[in-house]
Amino acid sequence: MTSEEGSYDEASLARKVPVLLLKTKSSPTDSYEEYFSTTDFSVYQPSFVPVLEHRFREETLSWLHSTVENGGFAKDLPNPGINNGEEDIRPSRYGGLILTSQRAVEAFTAVVAQFPPEIRHSILPASLPLYVVGPATARSLRALNLPCPILGEETGNGEALARFILSNHTNLAPPPKSHTVAAAAAAPTAAIRRKLPLLFLVGEQRRDIIPKTLQSPTLPPEQRIPVHEEIIYETGEMASFRSDFTAACRRNARRGAKKQWFVVFSPTGCEAMLQGLGWLDDETGRVKTGCGGRVGRSRDGGGCDMFVATIGPTTRDYLIDRFGFEPHVCAERPSPEGIGEAIAAFERANP
């Protein structure tokens, strides 16, 4: 690269507004990077600072593989059950899956990849709904080319998804086996109409709004949907996050950026972010007076304006309640479009 080319690249970067996405970049493509790199948003320069470290539970992956292999998701296949030990109370057959995080989808994908493509349509059939909460998880599931319908991507949050499932889920257990017509006729209607449980693949840290809503005692018994939660991954803050974040902020300031945005996706890492910005009081653990705020602009030592956007109200409320810090914007929808629209609205109001 010539010195002229190098100068041009630096000047181009200086004109762009850095957007630090505090998450691991999704693979093979990331919808947030794609969104902020489009023509309409070419003023922004997206980059990633991973916050969370995810570890899959191997024993759960093995159990899920056995469940798929043994027809646990296919009503028309014989299901001999899985011998998981005398104390195992997990169902052997399910009427659908709930996947509300990218890590859960990655774990499910790893299991599906172990089966030849030609048999996947029979063990994961078109009668098996896959419930998701947003477009990112839906997009990743579609890449598997399964016949399963992918539902709920427009709901946006767990509460709305639960209401959607209650309105749409009708996957019923098969009638109990009977040797005579008379015995079948005498079988309780409730037993015949019992809904198969949904398998909810979750992380160690999760909200319980979905299972509580679907199994609420205020619902008539015939409307309740059993949910079995299975922890398939564990999450913790990366040890290097604070130093990585601080280094990225300083690098952007050195390149001449006049402002930068930080997009926060979960409560994990919030404290390290605020510490890295120098906004936390060491004694109180609360944000220092004059730092952050919806109207005031905070500056680092290099004179770079810094703004915080949250993916939704859970993270926003955590920042307010725990640290006394109100982020500059909160997305109305947990999506690239939601974040982009919130940032654009803020900048129009604060030129």
Protein backbone atom coordinates (compact mmCIF):
# COMPACT_ATOMS: atom_id res chain seq x y z
CA MET A 1 0.00 0.00 0.00
CA THR A 2 1.35 3.46 -0.93
CA SER A 3 1.53 6.30 1.56
CA GLU A 4 -1.20 8.10 -0.40
CA GLU A 5 -3.49 5.04 -0.13
CA GLY A 6 -2.79 4.79 3.58
CA SER A 7 -3.63 8.45 4.10
CA TYR A 8 -6.86 8.02 2.13
CA ASP A 9 -7.95 5.03 4.26
CA GLU A 10 -7.25 6.90 7.50
CA ALA A 11 -9.13 9.95 6.27
CA SER A 12 -12.05 7.77 5.19
CA LEU A 13 -12.18 6.09 8.60
CA ALA A 14 -12.01 9.46 10.36
CA ARG A 15 -15.15 10.58 8.53
CA LYS A 16 -17.08 7.50 9.63
CA VAL A 17 -18.76 7.11 13.01
CA PRO A 18 -17.45 4.01 14.81
CA VAL A 19 -20.17 1.68 16.11
CA LEU A 20 -18.76 -0.81 18.59
CA LEU A 21 -21.08 -3.81 18.73
CA LEU A 22 -20.50 -5.40 22.11
CA LYS A 23 -21.07 -8.97 20.96
CA THR A 24 -19.43 -11.85 19.17
CA LYS A 25 -19.71 -11.58 15.41
CA SER A 26 -22.21 -14.11 14.09
CA SER A 27 -21.07 -16.61 11.51
CA PRO A 28 -21.10 -16.93 8.52
CA THR A 29 -22.60 -13.42 8.27
CA ASP A 30 -23.70 -10.90 10.86
CA SER A 31 -26.90 -8.94 10.25
CA TYR A 32 -25.69 -5.96 12.31
CA GLU A 33 -22.50 -5.63 10.30
CA GLU A 34 -24.45 -5.94 7.06
CA TYR A 35 -26.97 -3.31 8.16
CA PHE A 36 -24.46 -0.68 9.28
CA SER A 37 -22.35 -1.28 6.17
CA THR A 38 -25.19 -0.58 3.71
CA THR A 39 -25.33 2.54 1.55
CA ASP A 40 -27.89 4.28 3.75
CA PHE A 41 -25.70 3.77 6.80
CA SER A 42 -22.29 4.10 5.14
CA VAL A 43 -21.52 6.93 7.54
CA TYR A 44 -21.00 4.27 10.23
CA GLN A 45 -18.06 1.89 10.71
CA PRO A 46 -19.21 -1.24 12.59
CA SER A 47 -16.79 -3.42 14.55
CA PHE A 48 -17.10 -6.08 17.22
CA VAL A 49 -15.86 -6.35 20.80
CA PRO A 50 -16.87 -9.78 22.15
CA VAL A 51 -18.26 -9.62 25.68
CA LEU A 52 -19.45 -13.11 26.40
CA GLU A 53 -17.69 -16.42 26.44
CA HIS A 54 -19.96 -19.36 25.65
CA ARG A 55 -19.34 -23.00 26.48
CA PHE A 56 -21.64 -25.74 25.24
CA ARG A 57 -22.60 -28.51 27.65
CA GLU A 58 -21.38 -31.66 25.99
CA GLU A 59 -23.74 -33.93 27.94
CA THR A 60 -26.73 -31.88 26.76
CA LEU A 61 -25.53 -31.95 23.15
CA SER A 62 -25.26 -35.73 23.42
CA TRP A 63 -28.77 -35.99 24.91
CA LEU A 64 -30.21 -33.77 22.17
CA HIS A 65 -28.54 -35.91 19.49
CA SER A 66 -30.09 -39.05 21.01
CA THR A 67 -33.50 -37.40 21.21
CA VAL A 68 -33.40 -36.42 17.53
CA GLU A 69 -32.06 -39.83 16.49
CA ASN A 70 -34.74 -41.69 18.45
CA GLY A 71 -37.66 -39.85 16.86
CA GLY A 72 -38.27 -37.43 19.71
CA PHE A 73 -39.37 -34.71 17.29
CA ALA A 74 -41.20 -36.82 14.71
CA LYS A 75 -44.72 -37.89 15.66
CA ASP A 76 -44.90 -40.46 12.86
CA LEU A 77 -41.74 -42.32 13.84
CA PRO A 78 -41.65 -45.04 16.51
CA ASN A 79 -40.17 -43.67 19.69
CA PRO A 80 -38.63 -46.29 21.96
CA GLY A 81 -37.64 -43.68 24.50
CA ILE A 82 -34.16 -42.89 25.69
CA ASN A 83 -32.58 -44.56 28.66
CA ASN A 84 -31.10 -41.59 30.52
CA GLY A 85 -31.07 -43.25 33.91
CA GLU A 86 -33.74 -43.90 36.52
CA GLU A 87 -33.81 -40.28 37.75
CA ASP A 88 -34.15 -38.70 34.30
CA ILE A 89 -37.58 -37.06 34.02
CA ARG A 90 -37.14 -35.52 30.57
CA PRO A 91 -39.91 -36.25 28.04
CA SER A 92 -39.03 -38.55 25.16
CA ARG A 93 -41.15 -36.75 22.58
CA TYR A 94 -41.67 -33.06 21.81
CA GLY A 95 -44.07 -31.01 19.72
CA GLY A 96 -41.68 -28.19 18.88
CA LEU A 97 -38.54 -26.29 19.82
CA ILE A 98 -38.03 -22.79 21.20
CA LEU A 99 -34.72 -21.13 20.30
CA THR A 100 -34.39 -17.51 21.39
CA SER A 101 -30.61 -17.01 21.29
CA GLN A 102 -27.90 -17.34 18.67
CA ARG A 103 -25.94 -19.71 20.92
CA ALA A 104 -28.92 -22.07 21.21
CA VAL A 105 -29.23 -22.07 17.42
CA GLU A 106 -25.50 -22.81 17.08
CA ALA A 107 -25.83 -25.77 19.46
CA PHE A 108 -28.88 -27.07 17.58
CA THR A 109 -27.01 -26.61 14.29
CA ALA A 110 -24.05 -28.61 15.60
CA VAL A 111 -26.38 -31.51 16.41
CA VAL A 112 -28.27 -31.36 13.10
CA ALA A 113 -24.98 -31.35 11.18
CA GLN A 114 -24.21 -34.82 12.53
CA PHE A 115 -27.09 -36.34 10.54
CA PRO A 116 -26.96 -36.96 6.76
CA PRO A 117 -29.08 -34.40 4.84
CA GLU A 118 -31.20 -37.15 3.28
CA ILE A 119 -32.67 -38.23 6.66
CA ARG A 120 -33.12 -34.85 8.30
CA HIS A 121 -36.58 -34.33 6.77
CA SER A 122 -37.85 -37.47 8.51
CA ILE A 123 -36.35 -36.89 11.97
CA LEU A 124 -37.06 -33.14 11.92
CA PRO A 125 -40.24 -33.03 9.81
CA ALA A 126 -42.48 -30.26 8.50
CA SER A 127 -44.87 -30.90 11.40
CA LEU A 128 -42.23 -29.65 13.90
CA PRO A 129 -42.40 -25.88 14.53
CA LEU A 130 -39.24 -24.00 15.46
CA TYR A 131 -40.15 -20.90 17.49
CA VAL A 132 -37.78 -17.93 17.44
CA VAL A 133 -37.89 -14.39 18.80
CA GLY A 134 -36.13 -12.39 16.10
CA PRO A 135 -34.80 -12.31 12.53
CA ALA A 136 -31.20 -13.24 13.38
CA THR A 137 -32.11 -16.64 14.86
CA ALA A 138 -34.64 -17.23 12.07
CA ARG A 139 -32.00 -16.51 9.42
CA SER A 140 -29.54 -18.94 10.99
CA LEU A 141 -32.15 -21.70 11.18
CA ARG A 142 -33.17 -21.22 7.54
CA ALA A 143 -29.57 -21.89 6.55
CA LEU A 144 -30.10 -25.50 7.72
CA ASN A 145 -32.71 -26.05 4.95
CA LEU A 146 -34.97 -28.06 7.23
CA PRO A 147 -38.65 -28.57 6.33
CA CYS A 148 -39.68 -27.30 9.78
CA PRO A 149 -41.68 -24.06 9.82
CA ILE A 150 -39.81 -21.20 11.52
CA LEU A 151 -42.30 -19.08 13.44
CA GLY A 152 -42.35 -15.99 15.66
CA GLU A 153 -39.49 -13.93 14.21
CA GLU A 154 -41.63 -10.78 14.21
CA THR A 155 -42.54 -11.04 17.91
CA GLY A 156 -39.38 -9.33 19.17
CA ASN A 157 -39.39 -10.48 22.81
CA GLY A 158 -40.16 -13.49 24.99
CA GLU A 159 -43.51 -12.26 26.28
CA ALA A 160 -44.82 -11.60 22.77
CA LEU A 161 -43.46 -14.94 21.54
CA ALA A 162 -45.25 -16.77 24.36
CA ARG A 163 -48.55 -15.13 23.41
CA PHE A 164 -47.91 -16.04 19.78
CA ILE A 165 -47.27 -19.70 20.71
CA LEU A 166 -50.45 -19.84 22.79
CA SER A 167 -52.42 -18.61 19.78
CA ASN A 168 -50.77 -20.82 17.18
CA HIS A 169 -49.40 -24.02 18.70
CA THR A 170 -51.62 -27.06 18.11
CA ASN A 171 -49.12 -29.92 18.00
CA LEU A 172 -50.96 -32.64 19.92
CA ALA A 173 -49.81 -35.92 21.36
CA PRO A 174 -51.07 -39.01 19.52
CA PRO A 175 -54.01 -40.82 21.12
CA PRO A 176 -53.01 -43.42 23.72
CA LYS A 177 -52.50 -46.90 22.30
CA SER A 178 -55.52 -49.15 22.67
CA HIS A 179 -56.24 -52.68 21.59
CA THR A 180 -59.99 -52.19 21.19
CA VAL A 181 -62.32 -49.62 19.72
CA ALA A 182 -64.29 -49.56 22.96
CA ALA A 183 -61.18 -48.84 25.02
CA ALA A 184 -60.19 -46.05 22.67
CA ALA A 185 -63.65 -44.51 22.92
CA ALA A 186 -63.47 -44.67 26.69
CA ALA A 187 -60.09 -42.92 26.83
CA PRO A 188 -60.33 -39.47 28.49
CA THR A 189 -60.69 -36.67 25.98
CA ALA A 190 -58.13 -34.56 27.87
CA ALA A 191 -55.52 -37.27 27.47
CA ILE A 192 -56.15 -37.58 23.73
CA ARG A 193 -55.99 -33.81 23.28
CA ARG A 194 -52.90 -33.27 25.47
CA LYS A 195 -50.38 -30.98 23.81
CA LEU A 196 -46.88 -32.29 23.39
CA PRO A 197 -44.27 -30.39 25.43
CA LEU A 198 -42.01 -27.84 23.78
CA LEU A 199 -38.26 -28.13 24.22
CA PHE A 200 -36.73 -24.78 25.18
CA LEU A 201 -32.94 -24.71 24.62
CA VAL A 202 -31.55 -22.08 26.99
CA GLY A 203 -28.41 -20.67 28.53
CA GLU A 204 -27.51 -20.71 32.19
CA GLN A 205 -28.81 -17.14 32.54
CA ARG A 206 -32.30 -16.61 31.13
CA ARG A 207 -35.68 -15.13 31.93
CA ASP A 208 -38.59 -17.47 32.68
CA ILE A 209 -41.34 -15.43 31.02
CA ILE A 210 -41.94 -18.00 28.25
CA PRO A 211 -42.46 -21.14 30.38
CA LYS A 212 -44.44 -19.17 32.98
CA THR A 213 -46.77 -17.75 30.35
CA LEU A 214 -47.30 -21.04 28.50
CA GLN A 215 -47.93 -22.99 31.71
CA SER A 216 -49.79 -20.30 33.65
CA PRO A 217 -52.28 -21.70 36.17
CA THR A 218 -54.67 -18.93 35.09
CA LEU A 219 -55.09 -20.66 31.73
CA PRO A 220 -57.66 -23.42 31.23
CA PRO A 221 -55.87 -26.78 31.46
CA GLU A 222 -56.51 -27.58 27.79
CA GLN A 223 -54.77 -24.35 26.73
CA ARG A 224 -51.60 -24.82 28.75
CA ILE A 225 -48.50 -25.93 26.87
CA PRO A 226 -45.87 -27.94 28.77
CA VAL A 227 -42.33 -26.59 28.43
CA HIS A 228 -39.13 -28.47 29.17
CA GLU A 229 -36.09 -26.22 29.59
CA GLU A 230 -32.70 -27.69 28.84
CA ILE A 231 -29.53 -25.72 29.58
CA ILE A 232 -27.34 -26.27 26.53
CA TYR A 233 -24.71 -23.55 27.06
CA GLU A 234 -23.12 -21.54 29.84
CA THR A 235 -22.13 -17.90 29.60
CA GLY A 236 -19.59 -15.68 31.32
CA GLU A 237 -17.84 -12.39 30.70
CA MET A 238 -14.60 -12.67 28.75
CA ALA A 239 -11.60 -11.88 30.94
CA SER A 240 -10.16 -9.64 28.24
CA PHE A 241 -13.32 -7.65 27.51
CA ARG A 242 -12.52 -4.50 29.50
CA SER A 243 -9.03 -4.14 28.02
CA ASP A 244 -10.29 -4.98 24.51
CA PHE A 245 -13.08 -2.41 24.80
CA THR A 246 -10.80 0.33 26.14
CA ALA A 247 -8.25 -0.33 23.40
CA ALA A 248 -10.93 -0.11 20.68
CA CYS A 249 -12.22 3.22 22.05
CA ARG A 250 -8.74 4.72 22.12
CA ARG A 251 -7.93 3.40 18.66
CA ASN A 252 -11.01 5.12 17.23
CA ALA A 253 -10.10 8.39 18.96
CA ARG A 254 -6.54 8.26 17.59
CA ARG A 255 -7.92 7.82 14.09
CA GLY A 256 -9.73 11.13 14.45
CA ALA A 257 -13.29 9.96 15.24
CA LYS A 258 -15.33 12.81 16.72
CA LYS A 259 -17.94 10.47 18.21
CA GLN A 260 -18.62 6.78 18.61
CA TRP A 261 -21.54 4.58 19.56
CA PHE A 262 -21.51 1.51 21.81
CA VAL A 263 -24.33 -1.00 21.28
CA VAL A 264 -25.01 -3.15 24.36
CA PHE A 265 -26.82 -6.47 23.93
CA SER A 266 -27.07 -7.79 27.50
CA PRO A 267 -26.42 -6.81 31.13
CA THR A 268 -23.20 -8.86 31.08
CA GLY A 269 -20.29 -6.54 30.42
CA CYS A 270 -22.13 -3.33 31.35
CA GLU A 271 -19.99 -2.72 34.43
CA ALA A 272 -16.73 -3.37 32.55
CA MET A 273 -17.87 -1.00 29.78
CA LEU A 274 -18.63 1.82 32.22
CA GLN A 275 -15.34 1.21 34.03
CA GLY A 276 -13.45 1.27 30.75
CA LEU A 277 -15.01 4.63 29.94
CA GLY A 278 -14.04 5.98 33.36
CA TRP A 279 -17.67 6.74 34.16
CA LEU A 280 -18.03 4.67 37.37
CA ASP A 281 -17.30 5.97 40.84
CA ASP A 282 -15.08 3.38 42.54
CA GLU A 283 -16.61 4.01 45.97
CA THR A 284 -20.33 4.01 45.12
CA GLY A 285 -20.31 1.78 42.04
CA ARG A 286 -22.64 4.32 40.43
CA VAL A 287 -22.05 6.58 37.44
CA LYS A 288 -20.17 9.77 38.25
CA THR A 289 -22.06 13.04 38.13
CA GLY A 290 -21.98 14.53 34.64
CA CYS A 291 -21.08 11.29 32.87
CA GLY A 292 -23.42 9.90 30.26
CA GLY A 293 -27.04 10.94 30.37
CA ARG A 294 -29.64 11.30 27.64
CA VAL A 295 -28.85 14.96 26.85
CA GLY A 296 -25.29 15.61 27.99
CA ARG A 297 -22.48 14.30 25.82
CA SER A 298 -19.62 12.53 27.55
CA ARG A 299 -16.04 12.98 26.42
CA ASP A 300 -12.92 10.92 26.87
CA GLY A 301 -9.47 12.43 27.13
CA GLY A 302 -9.23 12.75 23.35
CA GLY A 303 -12.39 14.84 22.97
CA CYS A 304 -14.48 12.07 21.38
CA ASP A 305 -18.23 12.10 22.07
CA MET A 306 -19.47 8.71 23.27
CA PHE A 307 -23.01 7.36 23.24
CA VAL A 308 -24.62 4.14 24.46
CA ALA A 309 -27.48 2.26 22.78
CA THR A 310 -29.18 -0.81 24.23
CA ILE A 311 -30.86 -3.63 22.31
CA GLY A 312 -33.96 -3.47 24.50
CA PRO A 313 -35.55 -2.48 27.83
CA THR A 314 -34.00 -5.29 29.92
CA THR A 315 -30.46 -4.00 29.43
CA ARG A 316 -31.59 -0.37 29.63
CA ASP A 317 -33.32 -0.96 32.97
CA TYR A 318 -30.30 -2.84 34.30
CA LEU A 319 -28.02 0.13 33.54
CA ILE A 320 -30.46 2.53 35.20
CA ASP A 321 -31.19 0.42 38.30
CA ARG A 322 -27.71 -0.94 38.93
CA PHE A 323 -25.50 2.00 37.95
CA GLY A 324 -27.78 5.03 37.73
CA PHE A 325 -26.89 5.39 34.05
CA GLU A 326 -29.54 6.07 31.43
CA PRO A 327 -28.39 5.03 27.96
CA HIS A 328 -28.81 7.54 25.18
CA VAL A 329 -31.16 5.31 23.17
CA CYS A 330 -33.05 2.03 23.56
CA ALA A 331 -34.17 0.14 20.47
CA GLU A 332 -37.91 -0.38 20.14
CA ARG A 333 -37.18 -3.64 18.30
CA PRO A 334 -34.26 -6.01 19.11
CA SER A 335 -32.86 -5.94 15.59
CA PRO A 336 -30.32 -4.07 13.44
CA GLU A 337 -33.15 -1.92 12.11
CA GLY A 338 -34.34 -1.14 15.63
CA ILE A 339 -30.87 -0.02 16.72
CA GLY A 340 -30.25 1.94 13.51
CA GLU A 341 -33.56 3.78 13.73
CA ALA A 342 -33.01 4.67 17.39
CA ILE A 343 -29.52 6.06 16.70
CA ALA A 344 -30.74 8.01 13.66
CA ALA A 345 -33.64 9.53 15.66
CA PHE A 346 -31.27 10.57 18.46
CA GLU A 347 -28.83 12.21 16.06
CA ARG A 348 -31.62 14.11 14.32
CA ALA A 349 -32.74 15.44 17.69
CA ASN A 350 -29.15 16.19 18.80
CA PRO A 351 -27.30 17.50 15.73
